[in-house]
Amino acid sequence: MKGEGTAGKEAAECRSRHGMRKYHDIVGRVLGAVCLALLLTVRISVDAAAYADVAASHMESSLRQMERVRKRLQKLSYMPDAVQRTLDMNGKDRQIIDLAPGILAGYKITCLGDSITVGAGGGVDENGRLIGYCNHLSRILGCEVVNLGMGGTTIGDYFIENAFVNRYEQIPEDTDVIILEGGLNDYQVFAQGLWNGFGDITNREPETYCGDAYTLYRGIKDSYPNAEVFVVMASRSYLETLYQSVEPYRLQDFMDVQRLYAKWMGFQVIDLHEMGFLDCREEEARERWLIDIVHPNAEGHLLLAERIASELVYYYSHQ
C-alpha cells in the first residue's frame, strides 16, 4: 500500500511539473508576442515619423520651388510679345500645378459667369455638350465643378435677364470654392450706349454697375462665408480697340471696380487683364486663341483653365 501511495504522489508531482512547464510555455509565448508587438509599434512609429519628416521636407522643397516659378511668371507680364508672353506664362502654370498634384481633389468648385464660363468656342464632346475651361479645371484638379455660366449675362441687372446679381444664390451651399468670371458684357452694354448707369463706389444704387457689383460681392460674402472666392479679371480684349473712342468708360474702369470690391471682401483676384495673359488685342493672338473677338477656342479654354488651376494650387499650397 505504501508503494502505491508513493507512486501516486510521484505521478501527481509529475503532472504538476508538466502543468508548470505548460504554464511557463504559454506565459513565454504571450510575453514574446507582447514584446514583438511593442517592437513593431516602435518600428511603425519610427517609420511613420521618418515618413512624415520626408513628406514635410518634400513639401517645403516644393513650396520653395513653387515660389521661384511664381516669381518668374510674374516677371513675364513685362514681355512685349503677347503670344510668347502667354505661352511662357502657361509653361510656368503647368510647373506649379505639377508641384502639388491632388491638392484640391474632392473639392467642390462653382463657376458663376457668362458665355466664356458656359464653354462657348471650346468645342463639344460626343454628347454635344460644350467643353470649356470648367471641364478642363475639373480634370486638372480632380474635383467637382458646377457650371453656372449663362451666355450674354452681365453682372448688373440692367435689362438683361439672369444677371449675376439675380442668380448668385444658385451657388450650392456646400461649395468650397467660388469662381466669378464676368464684366466684359457689362462693358459692351455701356460702350454700345445701351445703358448709362455706371454708378459710383460710394453711392451704390441698384441697376448701376457699381451698385449691383457691390450687391453681388456682398451677397456672396454673406451667403457663403466658408467658401474661398476667386475673381477672374477679363483678359485684354480687341473690344478695347473697337470702343476706344467711347467715353468716359474703359474696360479698365469695370475691372477696377471689381478689384476694389474683391479687396474689401477678402476675395482672391486672378488678374488676366493686368498681367496680359491671353491678351488678344493683336491679330496674331486672336487667330491663335479665339473663335471671334471675345470667345476662346479649344486651346484658349485650356490655357485659361490652367491659369486658374495654377492660382488655386498656389493658394491652397500655402494654407
Protein backbone atom coordinates (compact mmCIF):
# COMPACT_ATOMS: atom_id res chain seq x y z
CA MET A 1 0.00 0.00 0.00
CA LYS A 2 2.88 2.32 0.81
CA GLY A 3 4.37 1.67 -2.59
CA GLU A 4 1.08 2.59 -4.24
CA GLY A 5 0.92 5.87 -2.25
CA THR A 6 4.45 6.80 -3.26
CA ALA A 7 3.70 6.05 -6.89
CA GLY A 8 0.58 8.22 -6.76
CA LYS A 9 2.50 11.05 -5.19
CA GLU A 10 5.19 10.85 -7.84
CA ALA A 11 2.54 10.83 -10.58
CA ALA A 12 0.90 13.92 -9.11
CA GLU A 13 4.25 15.71 -8.91
CA CYS A 14 4.93 14.76 -12.49
CA ARG A 15 1.60 16.17 -13.58
CA SER A 16 2.31 19.33 -11.57
CA ARG A 17 5.73 19.75 -13.18
CA HIS A 18 4.20 19.17 -16.61
CA GLY A 19 1.48 21.77 -15.88
CA MET A 20 4.07 24.29 -14.72
CA ARG A 21 6.11 23.75 -17.88
CA LYS A 22 2.99 24.23 -19.96
CA TYR A 23 2.11 27.35 -17.96
CA HIS A 24 5.59 28.82 -18.39
CA ASP A 25 5.49 27.97 -22.08
CA ILE A 26 2.19 29.85 -22.50
CA VAL A 27 3.46 32.80 -20.45
CA GLY A 28 6.62 32.85 -22.53
CA ARG A 29 4.69 32.89 -25.76
CA VAL A 30 2.44 35.68 -24.53
CA LEU A 31 5.39 37.75 -23.38
CA GLY A 32 7.12 37.10 -26.67
CA ALA A 33 4.07 38.24 -28.59
CA VAL A 34 3.79 41.35 -26.43
CA CYS A 35 7.46 42.20 -26.95
CA LEU A 36 7.12 41.65 -30.70
CA ALA A 37 4.05 43.90 -30.77
CA LEU A 38 5.91 46.59 -28.86
CA LEU A 39 8.87 46.33 -31.21
CA LEU A 40 6.56 46.58 -34.22
CA THR A 41 4.78 49.57 -32.68
CA VAL A 42 8.08 51.31 -32.08
CA ARG A 43 9.21 50.44 -35.61
CA ILE A 44 5.95 51.70 -37.12
CA SER A 45 6.16 54.89 -35.06
CA VAL A 46 9.74 55.42 -36.17
CA ASP A 47 8.82 54.68 -39.80
CA ALA A 48 5.78 56.99 -39.61
CA ALA A 49 7.86 59.78 -38.11
CA ALA A 50 10.53 59.27 -40.75
CA TYR A 51 7.89 59.30 -43.50
CA ALA A 52 6.33 62.45 -42.04
CA ASP A 53 9.75 64.11 -42.00
CA VAL A 54 10.37 63.12 -45.61
CA ALA A 55 6.90 64.33 -46.64
CA ALA A 56 7.39 67.62 -44.81
CA SER A 57 10.80 68.09 -46.39
CA HIS A 58 9.37 67.33 -49.83
CA MET A 59 6.54 69.83 -49.27
CA GLU A 60 8.99 72.52 -48.17
CA SER A 61 11.09 71.84 -51.25
CA SER A 62 8.01 72.02 -53.49
CA LEU A 63 6.88 75.29 -51.91
CA ARG A 64 10.31 76.86 -52.39
CA GLN A 65 10.34 75.75 -56.00
CA MET A 66 6.78 77.00 -56.44
CA GLU A 67 7.79 80.43 -55.14
CA ARG A 68 10.65 80.61 -57.62
CA VAL A 69 8.41 79.62 -60.53
CA ARG A 70 5.73 82.11 -59.50
CA LYS A 71 8.22 84.99 -59.32
CA ARG A 72 9.41 84.16 -62.83
CA LEU A 73 5.80 84.01 -64.01
CA GLN A 74 5.00 87.44 -62.60
CA LYS A 75 8.02 88.97 -64.35
CA LEU A 76 6.72 87.72 -67.70
CA SER A 77 3.97 90.38 -67.70
CA TYR A 78 6.60 92.81 -69.00
CA MET A 79 7.25 90.81 -72.17
CA PRO A 80 6.21 92.83 -75.25
CA ASP A 81 5.24 89.85 -77.41
CA ALA A 82 1.67 88.98 -76.37
CA VAL A 83 1.70 85.46 -77.82
CA GLN A 84 5.05 84.45 -76.37
CA ARG A 85 4.13 86.05 -73.05
CA THR A 86 1.03 83.86 -72.72
CA LEU A 87 2.91 80.72 -73.82
CA ASP A 88 5.69 81.32 -71.30
CA MET A 89 3.18 82.03 -68.54
CA ASN A 90 1.37 78.82 -69.36
CA GLY A 91 4.61 76.88 -69.03
CA LYS A 92 5.04 78.26 -65.51
CA ASP A 93 1.40 77.49 -64.69
CA ARG A 94 1.93 73.85 -65.60
CA GLN A 95 5.03 73.66 -63.42
CA ILE A 96 3.10 74.99 -60.42
CA ILE A 97 0.23 72.55 -60.99
CA ASP A 98 2.67 69.61 -61.18
CA LEU A 99 4.32 70.59 -57.89
CA ALA A 100 1.19 69.88 -55.82
CA PRO A 101 -0.86 67.17 -57.54
CA GLY A 102 -4.19 66.32 -55.99
CA ILE A 103 -4.18 69.19 -53.51
CA LEU A 104 -7.79 70.11 -54.42
CA ALA A 105 -9.00 66.56 -55.06
CA GLY A 106 -12.56 66.14 -53.80
CA TYR A 107 -13.25 69.88 -53.58
CA LYS A 108 -16.42 71.39 -54.98
CA ILE A 109 -15.91 74.42 -57.21
CA THR A 110 -18.72 76.60 -58.56
CA CYS A 111 -18.13 78.91 -61.53
CA LEU A 112 -20.53 81.82 -61.95
CA GLY A 113 -20.04 83.53 -65.27
CA ASP A 114 -21.11 84.36 -68.80
CA SER A 115 -20.71 82.58 -72.15
CA ILE A 116 -16.99 82.02 -71.58
CA THR A 117 -17.85 80.03 -68.45
CA VAL A 118 -20.54 78.16 -70.40
CA GLY A 119 -17.76 76.99 -72.72
CA ALA A 120 -18.62 78.88 -75.90
CA GLY A 121 -15.93 78.30 -78.53
CA GLY A 122 -14.28 75.38 -76.76
CA GLY A 123 -15.83 72.62 -78.85
CA VAL A 124 -18.25 69.85 -77.92
CA ASP A 125 -17.97 66.32 -76.55
CA GLU A 126 -19.52 63.16 -78.02
CA ASN A 127 -22.85 64.09 -76.44
CA GLY A 128 -22.90 67.56 -77.94
CA ARG A 129 -22.09 69.34 -74.68
CA LEU A 130 -19.77 72.33 -74.68
CA ILE A 131 -16.23 71.80 -73.44
CA GLY A 132 -14.83 74.89 -71.77
CA TYR A 133 -12.41 75.88 -69.05
CA CYS A 134 -14.72 74.45 -66.38
CA ASN A 135 -14.39 70.96 -67.84
CA HIS A 136 -10.61 71.23 -68.01
CA LEU A 137 -10.48 72.61 -64.47
CA SER A 138 -12.35 69.57 -63.15
CA ARG A 139 -9.98 67.19 -64.92
CA ILE A 140 -6.79 69.02 -63.93
CA LEU A 141 -7.66 69.36 -60.24
CA GLY A 142 -9.65 66.14 -59.80
CA CYS A 143 -12.63 67.95 -58.32
CA GLU A 144 -16.30 68.59 -58.97
CA VAL A 145 -17.06 71.76 -60.91
CA VAL A 146 -20.56 73.22 -61.01
CA ASN A 147 -21.02 75.38 -64.11
CA LEU A 148 -23.34 78.33 -63.58
CA GLY A 149 -22.32 80.10 -66.77
CA MET A 150 -25.03 81.73 -68.88
CA GLY A 151 -24.40 83.35 -72.24
CA GLY A 152 -24.91 87.08 -72.67
CA THR A 153 -25.38 87.82 -68.98
CA THR A 154 -23.99 90.78 -67.10
CA ILE A 155 -23.07 91.40 -63.50
CA GLY A 156 -25.62 94.21 -63.19
CA ASP A 157 -29.39 93.98 -63.57
CA TYR A 158 -29.97 96.46 -66.38
CA PHE A 159 -32.33 94.96 -68.93
CA ILE A 160 -30.63 91.56 -69.38
CA GLU A 161 -32.32 88.55 -67.86
CA ASN A 162 -30.42 86.37 -65.39
CA ALA A 163 -27.82 88.93 -64.34
CA PHE A 164 -25.22 87.61 -61.89
CA VAL A 165 -26.69 89.70 -59.09
CA ASN A 166 -30.03 87.90 -59.50
CA ARG A 167 -28.74 84.33 -59.62
CA TYR A 168 -25.71 84.02 -57.34
CA GLU A 169 -27.93 82.27 -54.79
CA GLN A 170 -27.98 79.27 -57.16
CA ILE A 171 -24.46 78.51 -55.93
CA PRO A 172 -24.64 75.27 -53.87
CA GLU A 173 -24.37 75.78 -50.13
CA ASP A 174 -21.62 73.14 -49.82
CA THR A 175 -19.32 74.66 -52.40
CA ASP A 176 -15.69 75.05 -51.31
CA VAL A 177 -14.52 77.46 -53.99
CA ILE A 178 -16.42 80.11 -55.98
CA ILE A 179 -15.01 81.49 -59.22
CA LEU A 180 -16.51 84.69 -60.63
CA GLU A 181 -15.89 85.45 -64.31
CA GLY A 182 -17.69 88.45 -65.75
CA GLY A 183 -17.76 92.13 -66.55
CA LEU A 184 -16.94 92.04 -70.26
CA ASN A 185 -20.62 92.04 -71.21
CA ASP A 186 -21.25 94.96 -68.85
CA TYR A 187 -18.50 96.87 -70.65
CA GLN A 188 -20.10 96.15 -74.03
CA VAL A 189 -23.55 97.26 -72.85
CA PHE A 190 -22.15 100.63 -71.76
CA ALA A 191 -19.79 101.05 -74.73
CA GLN A 192 -22.67 100.47 -77.15
CA GLY A 193 -24.76 103.08 -75.37
CA LEU A 194 -27.42 100.60 -74.26
CA TRP A 195 -27.17 101.67 -70.62
CA ASN A 196 -25.56 104.59 -68.85
CA GLY A 197 -25.94 103.84 -65.16
CA PHE A 198 -22.33 103.15 -64.16
CA GLY A 199 -22.92 104.40 -60.64
CA ASP A 200 -20.33 105.18 -58.01
CA ILE A 201 -18.48 103.05 -55.46
CA THR A 202 -19.69 105.32 -52.65
CA ASN A 203 -23.28 105.68 -53.90
CA ARG A 204 -24.16 102.11 -54.81
CA GLU A 205 -27.62 102.44 -56.33
CA PRO A 206 -29.44 99.38 -57.78
CA GLU A 207 -29.36 98.83 -61.55
CA THR A 208 -25.98 100.51 -61.83
CA TYR A 209 -22.75 98.62 -62.45
CA CYS A 210 -21.14 99.76 -59.21
CA GLY A 211 -24.29 99.17 -57.17
CA ASP A 212 -25.10 95.70 -58.48
CA ALA A 213 -21.48 94.56 -58.44
CA TYR A 214 -21.32 95.50 -54.76
CA THR A 215 -24.61 93.70 -54.06
CA LEU A 216 -23.24 90.61 -55.80
CA TYR A 217 -19.96 90.62 -53.90
CA ARG A 218 -21.57 91.41 -50.56
CA GLY A 219 -24.22 88.74 -51.11
CA ILE A 220 -21.66 86.06 -51.89
CA LYS A 221 -19.56 87.08 -48.90
CA ASP A 222 -22.53 86.83 -46.53
CA SER A 223 -24.20 83.77 -48.06
CA TYR A 224 -21.08 81.61 -48.45
CA PRO A 225 -18.79 82.52 -45.54
CA ASN A 226 -16.89 79.20 -45.70
CA ALA A 227 -16.08 79.36 -49.41
CA GLU A 228 -12.95 80.87 -50.90
CA VAL A 229 -13.80 83.26 -53.73
CA PHE A 230 -11.57 83.89 -56.76
CA VAL A 231 -12.42 86.71 -59.16
CA VAL A 232 -11.15 86.33 -62.73
CA MET A 233 -10.49 89.69 -64.36
CA ALA A 234 -11.16 89.70 -68.11
CA SER A 235 -8.21 89.43 -70.48
CA ARG A 236 -7.21 92.42 -72.60
CA SER A 237 -9.66 92.43 -75.49
CA TYR A 238 -9.93 93.73 -79.04
CA LEU A 239 -13.18 95.30 -77.81
CA GLU A 240 -11.00 97.92 -76.14
CA THR A 241 -9.72 98.91 -79.58
CA LEU A 242 -13.20 98.93 -81.10
CA TYR A 243 -14.64 101.11 -78.34
CA GLN A 244 -11.56 103.23 -77.58
CA SER A 245 -13.33 106.40 -78.66
CA VAL A 246 -16.24 105.76 -76.30
CA GLU A 247 -16.08 107.96 -73.24
CA PRO A 248 -15.95 108.01 -70.34
CA TYR A 249 -15.73 104.27 -69.61
CA ARG A 250 -12.93 101.84 -70.38
CA LEU A 251 -12.72 98.12 -69.69
CA GLN A 252 -10.12 99.00 -67.08
CA ASP A 253 -12.76 101.02 -65.18
CA PHE A 254 -15.04 97.99 -64.92
CA MET A 255 -12.18 95.79 -63.74
CA ASP A 256 -11.06 98.42 -61.19
CA VAL A 257 -14.47 98.31 -59.50
CA GLN A 258 -14.25 94.53 -59.15
CA ARG A 259 -10.67 94.72 -57.86
CA LEU A 260 -11.74 97.17 -55.18
CA TYR A 261 -14.76 95.16 -54.05
CA ALA A 262 -12.69 91.96 -54.06
CA LYS A 263 -10.20 93.65 -51.73
CA TRP A 264 -12.98 94.82 -49.43
CA MET A 265 -14.48 91.33 -49.23
CA GLY A 266 -11.18 89.47 -48.90
CA PHE A 267 -11.59 87.68 -52.24
CA GLN A 268 -8.63 86.48 -54.31
CA VAL A 269 -8.04 88.07 -57.72
CA ILE A 270 -6.79 86.27 -60.83
CA ASP A 271 -5.88 89.32 -62.88
CA LEU A 272 -5.64 88.26 -66.54
CA HIS A 273 -6.09 91.88 -67.59
CA GLU A 274 -3.22 93.33 -65.55
CA MET A 275 -0.73 90.53 -66.30
CA GLY A 276 -1.51 90.45 -70.02
CA PHE A 277 -2.48 86.78 -70.14
CA LEU A 278 -4.41 85.83 -73.29
CA ASP A 279 -4.06 89.42 -74.47
CA CYS A 280 -5.86 89.19 -77.81
CA ARG A 281 -5.81 92.78 -78.95
CA GLU A 282 -3.39 91.78 -81.69
CA GLU A 283 -4.48 89.75 -84.70
CA GLU A 284 -1.88 87.00 -84.24
CA ALA A 285 -3.17 86.21 -80.76
CA ARG A 286 -6.82 86.37 -81.84
CA GLU A 287 -6.24 83.95 -84.70
CA ARG A 288 -4.47 81.55 -82.38
CA TRP A 289 -6.74 81.53 -79.34
CA LEU A 290 -10.18 82.97 -80.21
CA ILE A 291 -13.07 81.93 -82.44
CA ASP A 292 -14.20 85.57 -82.81
CA ILE A 293 -13.05 88.68 -80.94
CA VAL A 294 -14.23 87.53 -77.50
CA HIS A 295 -14.60 83.76 -77.03
CA PRO A 296 -11.64 81.40 -76.57
CA ASN A 297 -11.21 78.41 -78.85
CA ALA A 298 -10.34 74.94 -77.51
CA GLU A 299 -6.71 75.86 -76.83
CA GLY A 300 -7.72 79.18 -75.31
CA HIS A 301 -10.09 77.47 -72.86
CA LEU A 302 -7.34 75.04 -71.83
CA LEU A 303 -4.89 77.89 -71.24
CA LEU A 304 -7.50 79.71 -69.15
CA ALA A 305 -8.20 76.57 -67.09
CA GLU A 306 -4.51 76.03 -66.38
CA ARG A 307 -4.10 79.70 -65.40
CA ILE A 308 -6.94 79.40 -62.88
CA ALA A 309 -5.77 75.98 -61.65
CA SER A 310 -2.27 77.34 -61.08
CA GLU A 311 -3.64 80.12 -58.87
CA LEU A 312 -5.79 77.70 -56.88
CA VAL A 313 -2.92 75.25 -56.38
CA TYR A 314 -0.60 78.04 -55.26
CA TYR A 315 -3.19 79.44 -52.83
CA TYR A 316 -4.10 76.12 -51.20
CA SER A 317 -0.45 75.00 -51.01
CA HIS A 318 0.16 77.94 -48.69
CA GLN A 319 -2.79 77.41 -46.34
